[in-house]
Amino acid sequence: MTGPEATIRIRRSDHRVDVSDLRDVRLRQFDTAVPWREFRWYRKQRHFSGSYWSATMEAPVGYESRLEYVNLLLADFDPRVVWILSQPFLVDGDDRGTARRHVPDYLIIHADDSACVVDVKPAEKLSRPKVRDSLAWSRRVIEGHGWEYRVQSEPDPVVLANVQFLGGYRRRFQFPDAEVAAATEVLRTPLTLGEAVRVVAPIEGDGRFARSLVLHLLWMRHLNTDLTRPLSTTSLLTSATREDQSG
């Protein structure tokens, strides 16, 4: 697939910048890439920057706004996602006579080796001509290269609240593999969250730890529930299929 001509710049950890035609870029070139800009924190800055510890990457991933953060969190929760890089490159080119330069917010790689470039913008800004035209050019360039391109805005507030809560149980190293496997085995039939905690309690020996383990299984997608409704002890949990866990 051939799209509009564009140049891509990828920054390396040793401060080198590789420059090439986008048509020649391959995903392996991002193995040693670092974010295009540094994430800075200072008094009275306009944007809320930060660093989120990603379970997918088992390392911090940066963001430059609260909206970027929540979309990063949802990407981390997506079982299809195996790799995330923030501000992955600078792309520039000619857009029908207009010179454009743009740094996307995220590059995401899925388990099937497909790539997705993500830009995060508040919904109320999407209709502004400057934003609309820049994103439209980015879409033509990225999709012309054969990668997926998404523009993400504010997520469903209930889903976000649930995923933020489950995110507190995302760290795999806190849950022994044997206990995860044992809990997954005994939770193969549908149960409410409260019932699942009671079933898992003998494995953990403590109800509080059992609750944490069940919530970790929800984060890991070993268990499913309807996250469009507030999570509670009466939420129905079902065992995930192999397809569920791979997205």
C-alpha atoms as a PDB file:
ATOM      1  CA  MET A   1       0.000   0.000   0.000  1.00  0.00           C
ATOM      2  CA  THR A   2       1.329   3.414  -0.946  1.00  0.00           C
ATOM      3  CA  GLY A   3       0.160   6.650   0.671  1.00  0.00           C
ATOM      4  CA  PRO A   4       1.280  10.290   0.604  1.00  0.00           C
ATOM      5  CA  GLU A   5       5.030  10.830   0.750  1.00  0.00           C
ATOM      6  CA  ALA A   6       6.277  11.600   4.251  1.00  0.00           C
ATOM      7  CA  THR A   7       9.524  11.600   6.201  1.00  0.00           C
ATOM      8  CA  ILE A   8       9.755   9.954   9.596  1.00  0.00           C
ATOM      9  CA  ARG A   9      12.257  10.727  12.349  1.00  0.00           C
ATOM     10  CA  ILE A  10      12.887   8.209  15.145  1.00  0.00           C
ATOM     11  CA  ARG A  11      14.873   9.194  18.228  1.00  0.00           C
ATOM     12  CA  ARG A  12      17.268   6.694  19.817  1.00  0.00           C
ATOM     13  CA  SER A  13      18.348   6.338  23.436  1.00  0.00           C
ATOM     14  CA  ASP A  14      21.847   7.544  22.485  1.00  0.00           C
ATOM     15  CA  HIS A  15      20.279  10.786  21.156  1.00  0.00           C
ATOM     16  CA  ARG A  16      20.738   9.844  17.500  1.00  0.00           C
ATOM     17  CA  VAL A  17      17.828  10.560  15.173  1.00  0.00           C
ATOM     18  CA  ASP A  18      17.195   8.192  12.282  1.00  0.00           C
ATOM     19  CA  VAL A  19      15.569   9.813   9.260  1.00  0.00           C
ATOM     20  CA  SER A  20      13.916   7.833   6.497  1.00  0.00           C
ATOM     21  CA  ASP A  21      11.036   7.734   4.084  1.00  0.00           C
ATOM     22  CA  LEU A  22       7.940   6.426   5.859  1.00  0.00           C
ATOM     23  CA  ARG A  23       7.504   3.866   3.089  1.00  0.00           C
ATOM     24  CA  ASP A  24      10.770   2.226   4.179  1.00  0.00           C
ATOM     25  CA  VAL A  25       9.992   2.087   7.918  1.00  0.00           C
ATOM     26  CA  ARG A  26       9.562  -1.296   9.619  1.00  0.00           C
ATOM     27  CA  LEU A  27       8.438  -2.006  13.180  1.00  0.00           C
ATOM     28  CA  ARG A  28      11.800  -3.466  14.194  1.00  0.00           C
ATOM     29  CA  GLN A  29      13.257   0.035  13.877  1.00  0.00           C
ATOM     30  CA  PHE A  30      11.371   1.017  17.034  1.00  0.00           C
ATOM     31  CA  ASP A  31      13.064  -1.620  19.212  1.00  0.00           C
ATOM     32  CA  THR A  32      15.504   0.963  20.589  1.00  0.00           C
ATOM     33  CA  ALA A  33      13.343   4.066  20.063  1.00  0.00           C
ATOM     34  CA  VAL A  34      12.556   6.543  22.838  1.00  0.00           C
ATOM     35  CA  PRO A  35       9.813   9.197  23.014  1.00  0.00           C
ATOM     36  CA  TRP A  36      10.383  12.110  20.672  1.00  0.00           C
ATOM     37  CA  ARG A  37      10.038  14.702  23.469  1.00  0.00           C
ATOM     38  CA  GLU A  38      11.025  14.541  27.100  1.00  0.00           C
ATOM     39  CA  PHE A  39       8.156  14.522  29.589  1.00  0.00           C
ATOM     40  CA  ARG A  40       8.651  17.577  31.765  1.00  0.00           C
ATOM     41  CA  TRP A  41       7.088  18.613  35.067  1.00  0.00           C
ATOM     42  CA  TYR A  42       7.208  22.207  36.276  1.00  0.00           C
ATOM     43  CA  ARG A  43       5.072  24.675  38.159  1.00  0.00           C
ATOM     44  CA  LYS A  44       2.121  26.187  36.293  1.00  0.00           C
ATOM     45  CA  GLN A  45       2.629  24.094  33.168  1.00  0.00           C
ATOM     46  CA  ARG A  46      -0.449  23.969  30.967  1.00  0.00           C
ATOM     47  CA  HIS A  47      -0.487  20.208  30.453  1.00  0.00           C
ATOM     48  CA  PHE A  48      -0.655  17.462  33.067  1.00  0.00           C
ATOM     49  CA  SER A  49       2.336  15.248  32.250  1.00  0.00           C
ATOM     50  CA  GLY A  50       3.241  12.073  34.020  1.00  0.00           C
ATOM     51  CA  SER A  51       4.561   8.540  33.893  1.00  0.00           C
ATOM     52  CA  TYR A  52       2.366   5.445  34.118  1.00  0.00           C
ATOM     53  CA  TRP A  53       3.765   2.022  35.039  1.00  0.00           C
ATOM     54  CA  SER A  54       2.476  -0.189  32.231  1.00  0.00           C
ATOM     55  CA  ALA A  55       1.787  -3.850  32.923  1.00  0.00           C
ATOM     56  CA  THR A  56       2.173  -4.517  29.204  1.00  0.00           C
ATOM     57  CA  MET A  57       5.648  -2.994  29.068  1.00  0.00           C
ATOM     58  CA  GLU A  58       6.584  -3.737  32.691  1.00  0.00           C
ATOM     59  CA  ALA A  59       8.067  -0.252  32.605  1.00  0.00           C
ATOM     60  CA  PRO A  60       6.937   3.387  32.772  1.00  0.00           C
ATOM     61  CA  VAL A  61       5.234   4.948  29.743  1.00  0.00           C
ATOM     62  CA  GLY A  62       4.855   8.723  29.530  1.00  0.00           C
ATOM     63  CA  TYR A  63       1.823  10.874  28.838  1.00  0.00           C
ATOM     64  CA  GLU A  64       1.270  14.620  28.439  1.00  0.00           C
ATOM     65  CA  SER A  65      -2.332  15.051  29.560  1.00  0.00           C
ATOM     66  CA  ARG A  66      -4.970  13.402  31.706  1.00  0.00           C
ATOM     67  CA  LEU A  67      -6.774  12.354  28.541  1.00  0.00           C
ATOM     68  CA  GLU A  68      -3.621  10.684  27.212  1.00  0.00           C
ATOM     69  CA  TYR A  69      -3.258   8.936  30.562  1.00  0.00           C
ATOM     70  CA  VAL A  70      -6.746   7.404  30.535  1.00  0.00           C
ATOM     71  CA  ASN A  71      -6.359   6.206  26.952  1.00  0.00           C
ATOM     72  CA  LEU A  72      -2.958   4.746  27.838  1.00  0.00           C
ATOM     73  CA  LEU A  73      -4.554   2.913  30.767  1.00  0.00           C
ATOM     74  CA  LEU A  74      -7.203   1.416  28.471  1.00  0.00           C
ATOM     75  CA  ALA A  75      -4.531   0.323  25.993  1.00  0.00           C
ATOM     76  CA  ASP A  76      -2.653  -1.355  28.847  1.00  0.00           C
ATOM     77  CA  PHE A  77      -5.856  -3.230  29.714  1.00  0.00           C
ATOM     78  CA  ASP A  78      -6.390  -4.397  26.119  1.00  0.00           C
ATOM     79  CA  PRO A  79      -5.260  -8.058  25.859  1.00  0.00           C
ATOM     80  CA  ARG A  80      -4.374  -7.615  22.180  1.00  0.00           C
ATOM     81  CA  VAL A  81      -1.700  -5.020  22.981  1.00  0.00           C
ATOM     82  CA  VAL A  82       1.843  -6.323  23.517  1.00  0.00           C
ATOM     83  CA  TRP A  83       3.923  -3.142  23.153  1.00  0.00           C
ATOM     84  CA  ILE A  84       3.382   0.610  23.671  1.00  0.00           C
ATOM     85  CA  LEU A  85       5.626   3.584  22.885  1.00  0.00           C
ATOM     86  CA  SER A  86       4.586   7.156  23.603  1.00  0.00           C
ATOM     87  CA  GLN A  87       5.470   9.931  21.117  1.00  0.00           C
ATOM     88  CA  PRO A  88       7.058   7.339  18.836  1.00  0.00           C
ATOM     89  CA  PHE A  89       8.237   9.539  15.973  1.00  0.00           C
ATOM     90  CA  LEU A  90       8.031  12.850  14.151  1.00  0.00           C
ATOM     91  CA  VAL A  91       6.443  12.677  10.722  1.00  0.00           C
ATOM     92  CA  ASP A  92       6.484  15.523   8.235  1.00  0.00           C
ATOM     93  CA  GLY A  93       5.409  15.992   4.656  1.00  0.00           C
ATOM     94  CA  ASP A  94       3.429  18.008   2.156  1.00  0.00           C
ATOM     95  CA  ASP A  95      -0.354  18.061   2.476  1.00  0.00           C
ATOM     96  CA  ARG A  96      -1.556  19.408  -0.860  1.00  0.00           C
ATOM     97  CA  GLY A  97       0.667  22.437  -0.581  1.00  0.00           C
ATOM     98  CA  THR A  98       0.643  22.743   3.207  1.00  0.00           C
ATOM     99  CA  ALA A  99       3.755  21.641   5.106  1.00  0.00           C
ATOM    100  CA  ARG A 100       2.850  19.485   8.100  1.00  0.00           C
ATOM    101  CA  ARG A 101       4.806  18.127  11.070  1.00  0.00           C
ATOM    102  CA  HIS A 102       3.245  15.884  13.677  1.00  0.00           C
ATOM    103  CA  VAL A 103       4.228  13.715  16.649  1.00  0.00           C
ATOM    104  CA  PRO A 104       1.572  11.056  17.331  1.00  0.00           C
ATOM    105  CA  ASP A 105       0.754  10.212  20.932  1.00  0.00           C
ATOM    106  CA  TYR A 106       1.272   6.431  20.837  1.00  0.00           C
ATOM    107  CA  LEU A 107       2.468   3.569  18.700  1.00  0.00           C
ATOM    108  CA  ILE A 108       0.842   0.298  19.710  1.00  0.00           C
ATOM    109  CA  ILE A 109       1.760  -3.170  18.495  1.00  0.00           C
ATOM    110  CA  HIS A 110      -0.702  -6.043  18.769  1.00  0.00           C
ATOM    111  CA  ALA A 111      -0.086  -9.738  19.317  1.00  0.00           C
ATOM    112  CA  ASP A 112      -0.581 -10.387  15.587  1.00  0.00           C
ATOM    113  CA  ASP A 113       2.269  -7.906  14.830  1.00  0.00           C
ATOM    114  CA  SER A 114      -0.127  -5.304  13.454  1.00  0.00           C
ATOM    115  CA  ALA A 115       0.633  -1.675  14.291  1.00  0.00           C
ATOM    116  CA  CYS A 116      -1.689   1.118  15.359  1.00  0.00           C
ATOM    117  CA  VAL A 117      -0.791   4.797  15.640  1.00  0.00           C
ATOM    118  CA  VAL A 118      -2.952   6.670  18.152  1.00  0.00           C
ATOM    119  CA  ASP A 119      -3.666  10.365  18.532  1.00  0.00           C
ATOM    120  CA  VAL A 120      -5.583  11.564  21.599  1.00  0.00           C
ATOM    121  CA  LYS A 121      -7.733  14.674  21.305  1.00  0.00           C
ATOM    122  CA  PRO A 122     -10.676  16.025  23.327  1.00  0.00           C
ATOM    123  CA  ALA A 123     -13.909  15.476  21.436  1.00  0.00           C
ATOM    124  CA  GLU A 124     -14.740  19.180  21.511  1.00  0.00           C
ATOM    125  CA  LYS A 125     -11.584  19.985  19.507  1.00  0.00           C
ATOM    126  CA  LEU A 126     -12.113  17.495  16.692  1.00  0.00           C
ATOM    127  CA  SER A 127     -14.261  19.825  14.615  1.00  0.00           C
ATOM    128  CA  ARG A 128     -11.747  22.683  14.682  1.00  0.00           C
ATOM    129  CA  PRO A 129     -10.359  23.103  11.142  1.00  0.00           C
ATOM    130  CA  LYS A 130      -6.702  23.123  12.211  1.00  0.00           C
ATOM    131  CA  VAL A 131      -7.078  19.945  14.266  1.00  0.00           C
ATOM    132  CA  ARG A 132      -9.385  18.255  11.761  1.00  0.00           C
ATOM    133  CA  ASP A 133      -7.052  18.879   8.814  1.00  0.00           C
ATOM    134  CA  SER A 134      -3.925  17.783  10.710  1.00  0.00           C
ATOM    135  CA  LEU A 135      -5.532  14.537  11.860  1.00  0.00           C
ATOM    136  CA  ALA A 136      -6.946  13.870   8.390  1.00  0.00           C
ATOM    137  CA  TRP A 137      -3.444  14.209   6.905  1.00  0.00           C
ATOM    138  CA  SER A 138      -2.016  11.934   9.599  1.00  0.00           C
ATOM    139  CA  ARG A 139      -4.666   9.344   8.804  1.00  0.00           C
ATOM    140  CA  ARG A 140      -3.886   9.393   5.085  1.00  0.00           C
ATOM    141  CA  VAL A 141      -0.167   9.066   5.744  1.00  0.00           C
ATOM    142  CA  ILE A 142      -0.384   6.310   8.377  1.00  0.00           C
ATOM    143  CA  GLU A 143      -3.070   4.238   6.682  1.00  0.00           C
ATOM    144  CA  GLY A 144      -1.230   4.675   3.389  1.00  0.00           C
ATOM    145  CA  HIS A 145       1.690   2.892   5.037  1.00  0.00           C
ATOM    146  CA  GLY A 146      -0.582  -0.004   5.983  1.00  0.00           C
ATOM    147  CA  TRP A 147      -0.823   0.749   9.706  1.00  0.00           C
ATOM    148  CA  GLU A 148      -4.029   1.337  11.611  1.00  0.00           C
ATOM    149  CA  TYR A 149      -4.717   4.899  12.742  1.00  0.00           C
ATOM    150  CA  ARG A 150      -7.046   5.883  15.588  1.00  0.00           C
ATOM    151  CA  VAL A 151      -8.143   9.163  17.086  1.00  0.00           C
ATOM    152  CA  GLN A 152      -9.285   8.631  20.668  1.00  0.00           C
ATOM    153  CA  SER A 153     -11.179  11.025  22.911  1.00  0.00           C
ATOM    154  CA  GLU A 154     -12.984  10.722  26.236  1.00  0.00           C
ATOM    155  CA  PRO A 155     -13.874   7.091  27.042  1.00  0.00           C
ATOM    156  CA  ASP A 156     -17.067   5.817  28.652  1.00  0.00           C
ATOM    157  CA  PRO A 157     -16.848   7.087  32.269  1.00  0.00           C
ATOM    158  CA  VAL A 158     -18.139   3.862  33.845  1.00  0.00           C
ATOM    159  CA  VAL A 159     -15.733   1.677  31.861  1.00  0.00           C
ATOM    160  CA  LEU A 160     -12.897   4.026  32.751  1.00  0.00           C
ATOM    161  CA  ALA A 161     -13.746   3.994  36.473  1.00  0.00           C
ATOM    162  CA  ASN A 162     -13.823   0.183  36.458  1.00  0.00           C
ATOM    163  CA  VAL A 163     -10.516  -0.143  34.589  1.00  0.00           C
ATOM    164  CA  GLN A 164      -8.845   2.441  36.845  1.00  0.00           C
ATOM    165  CA  PHE A 165      -9.941   0.382  39.844  1.00  0.00           C
ATOM    166  CA  LEU A 166      -8.723  -2.890  38.306  1.00  0.00           C
ATOM    167  CA  GLY A 167      -5.460  -1.179  37.401  1.00  0.00           C
ATOM    168  CA  GLY A 168      -4.526  -1.292  41.067  1.00  0.00           C
ATOM    169  CA  TYR A 169      -4.204  -5.081  40.655  1.00  0.00           C
ATOM    170  CA  ARG A 170      -2.307  -5.136  37.349  1.00  0.00           C
ATOM    171  CA  ARG A 171       1.205  -6.042  38.553  1.00  0.00           C
ATOM    172  CA  ARG A 172       1.854  -9.690  37.796  1.00  0.00           C
ATOM    173  CA  PHE A 173       4.829 -10.011  40.144  1.00  0.00           C
ATOM    174  CA  GLN A 174       2.492  -9.502  43.111  1.00  0.00           C
ATOM    175  CA  PHE A 175       0.529 -12.673  42.314  1.00  0.00           C
ATOM    176  CA  PRO A 176       2.318 -16.066  42.291  1.00  0.00           C
ATOM    177  CA  ASP A 177       1.743 -18.016  39.075  1.00  0.00           C
ATOM    178  CA  ALA A 178       0.587 -21.106  40.973  1.00  0.00           C
ATOM    179  CA  GLU A 179      -2.143 -19.132  42.769  1.00  0.00           C
ATOM    180  CA  VAL A 180      -3.275 -17.472  39.531  1.00  0.00           C
ATOM    181  CA  ALA A 181      -3.526 -20.890  37.847  1.00  0.00           C
ATOM    182  CA  ALA A 182      -5.363 -22.448  40.778  1.00  0.00           C
ATOM    183  CA  ALA A 183      -7.863 -19.579  41.016  1.00  0.00           C
ATOM    184  CA  THR A 184      -8.465 -19.645  37.265  1.00  0.00           C
ATOM    185  CA  GLU A 185      -9.199 -23.370  37.481  1.00  0.00           C
ATOM    186  CA  VAL A 186     -11.806 -23.094  40.254  1.00  0.00           C
ATOM    187  CA  LEU A 187     -13.570 -20.143  38.596  1.00  0.00           C
ATOM    188  CA  ARG A 188     -14.612 -21.863  35.398  1.00  0.00           C
ATOM    189  CA  THR A 189     -18.341 -21.555  36.089  1.00  0.00           C
ATOM    190  CA  PRO A 190     -20.186 -18.209  36.259  1.00  0.00           C
ATOM    191  CA  LEU A 191     -20.186 -16.649  39.744  1.00  0.00           C
ATOM    192  CA  THR A 192     -20.730 -13.220  41.204  1.00  0.00           C
ATOM    193  CA  LEU A 193     -17.656 -11.322  42.348  1.00  0.00           C
ATOM    194  CA  GLY A 194     -18.587 -11.948  45.975  1.00  0.00           C
ATOM    195  CA  GLU A 195     -19.012 -15.685  45.361  1.00  0.00           C
ATOM    196  CA  ALA A 196     -15.720 -15.845  43.467  1.00  0.00           C
ATOM    197  CA  VAL A 197     -13.853 -14.299  46.407  1.00  0.00           C
ATOM    198  CA  ARG A 198     -15.297 -16.942  48.753  1.00  0.00           C
ATOM    199  CA  VAL A 199     -14.324 -19.753  46.358  1.00  0.00           C
ATOM    200  CA  VAL A 200     -10.769 -18.454  46.017  1.00  0.00           C
ATOM    201  CA  ALA A 201     -10.305 -17.783  49.747  1.00  0.00           C
ATOM    202  CA  PRO A 202      -8.966 -21.311  50.522  1.00  0.00           C
ATOM    203  CA  ILE A 203      -6.223 -20.793  47.925  1.00  0.00           C
ATOM    204  CA  GLU A 204      -5.086 -17.531  49.502  1.00  0.00           C
ATOM    205  CA  GLY A 205      -5.993 -18.281  53.099  1.00  0.00           C
ATOM    206  CA  ASP A 206      -7.347 -14.760  53.554  1.00  0.00           C
ATOM    207  CA  GLY A 207     -10.457 -13.104  52.119  1.00  0.00           C
ATOM    208  CA  ARG A 208      -8.682  -9.816  51.444  1.00  0.00           C
ATOM    209  CA  PHE A 209      -5.960 -11.496  49.416  1.00  0.00           C
ATOM    210  CA  ALA A 210      -8.585 -13.601  47.639  1.00  0.00           C
ATOM    211  CA  ARG A 211     -10.387 -10.443  46.549  1.00  0.00           C
ATOM    212  CA  SER A 212      -7.145  -8.998  45.200  1.00  0.00           C
ATOM    213  CA  LEU A 213      -6.467 -12.191  43.256  1.00  0.00           C
ATOM    214  CA  VAL A 214      -9.948 -12.207  41.690  1.00  0.00           C
ATOM    215  CA  LEU A 215      -9.532  -8.572  40.666  1.00  0.00           C
ATOM    216  CA  HIS A 216      -6.134  -9.412  39.172  1.00  0.00           C
ATOM    217  CA  LEU A 217      -7.796 -12.163  37.114  1.00  0.00           C
ATOM    218  CA  LEU A 218     -10.251  -9.563  35.816  1.00  0.00           C
ATOM    219  CA  TRP A 219      -7.380  -7.266  34.844  1.00  0.00           C
ATOM    220  CA  MET A 220      -5.612 -10.171  33.127  1.00  0.00           C
ATOM    221  CA  ARG A 221      -8.845 -11.077  31.323  1.00  0.00           C
ATOM    222  CA  HIS A 222      -8.832 -14.590  32.752  1.00  0.00           C
ATOM    223  CA  LEU A 223     -12.293 -13.530  33.925  1.00  0.00           C
ATOM    224  CA  ASN A 224     -14.825 -11.311  32.165  1.00  0.00           C
ATOM    225  CA  THR A 225     -17.630  -9.098  33.394  1.00  0.00           C
ATOM    226  CA  ASP A 226     -19.759  -6.264  32.022  1.00  0.00           C
ATOM    227  CA  LEU A 227     -17.576  -3.211  32.609  1.00  0.00           C
ATOM    228  CA  THR A 228     -20.244  -0.831  31.307  1.00  0.00           C
ATOM    229  CA  ARG A 229     -21.888  -1.289  34.725  1.00  0.00           C
ATOM    230  CA  PRO A 230     -20.275  -0.299  38.039  1.00  0.00           C
ATOM    231  CA  LEU A 231     -18.252  -3.188  39.420  1.00  0.00           C
ATOM    232  CA  SER A 232     -19.687  -4.636  42.646  1.00  0.00           C
ATOM    233  CA  THR A 233     -19.911  -7.868  44.630  1.00  0.00           C
ATOM    234  CA  THR A 234     -22.986  -8.796  42.545  1.00  0.00           C
ATOM    235  CA  SER A 235     -21.197  -8.392  39.173  1.00  0.00           C
ATOM    236  CA  LEU A 236     -21.387 -11.672  37.260  1.00  0.00           C
ATOM    237  CA  LEU A 237     -17.979 -13.101  36.326  1.00  0.00           C
ATOM    238  CA  THR A 238     -17.462 -15.625  33.548  1.00  0.00           C
ATOM    239  CA  SER A 239     -14.376 -17.569  32.615  1.00  0.00           C
ATOM    240  CA  ALA A 240     -12.612 -16.103  29.599  1.00  0.00           C
ATOM    241  CA  THR A 241     -12.095 -18.107  26.449  1.00  0.00           C
ATOM    242  CA  ARG A 242      -8.754 -18.180  24.623  1.00  0.00           C
ATOM    243  CA  GLU A 243     -10.245 -15.726  22.117  1.00  0.00           C
ATOM    244  CA  ASP A 244     -11.241 -13.337  24.934  1.00  0.00           C
ATOM    245  CA  GLN A 245      -7.713 -13.300  26.309  1.00  0.00           C
ATOM    246  CA  SER A 246      -6.217 -12.532  22.899  1.00  0.00           C
ATOM    247  CA  GLY A 247      -8.781  -9.829  22.159  1.00  0.00           C
END
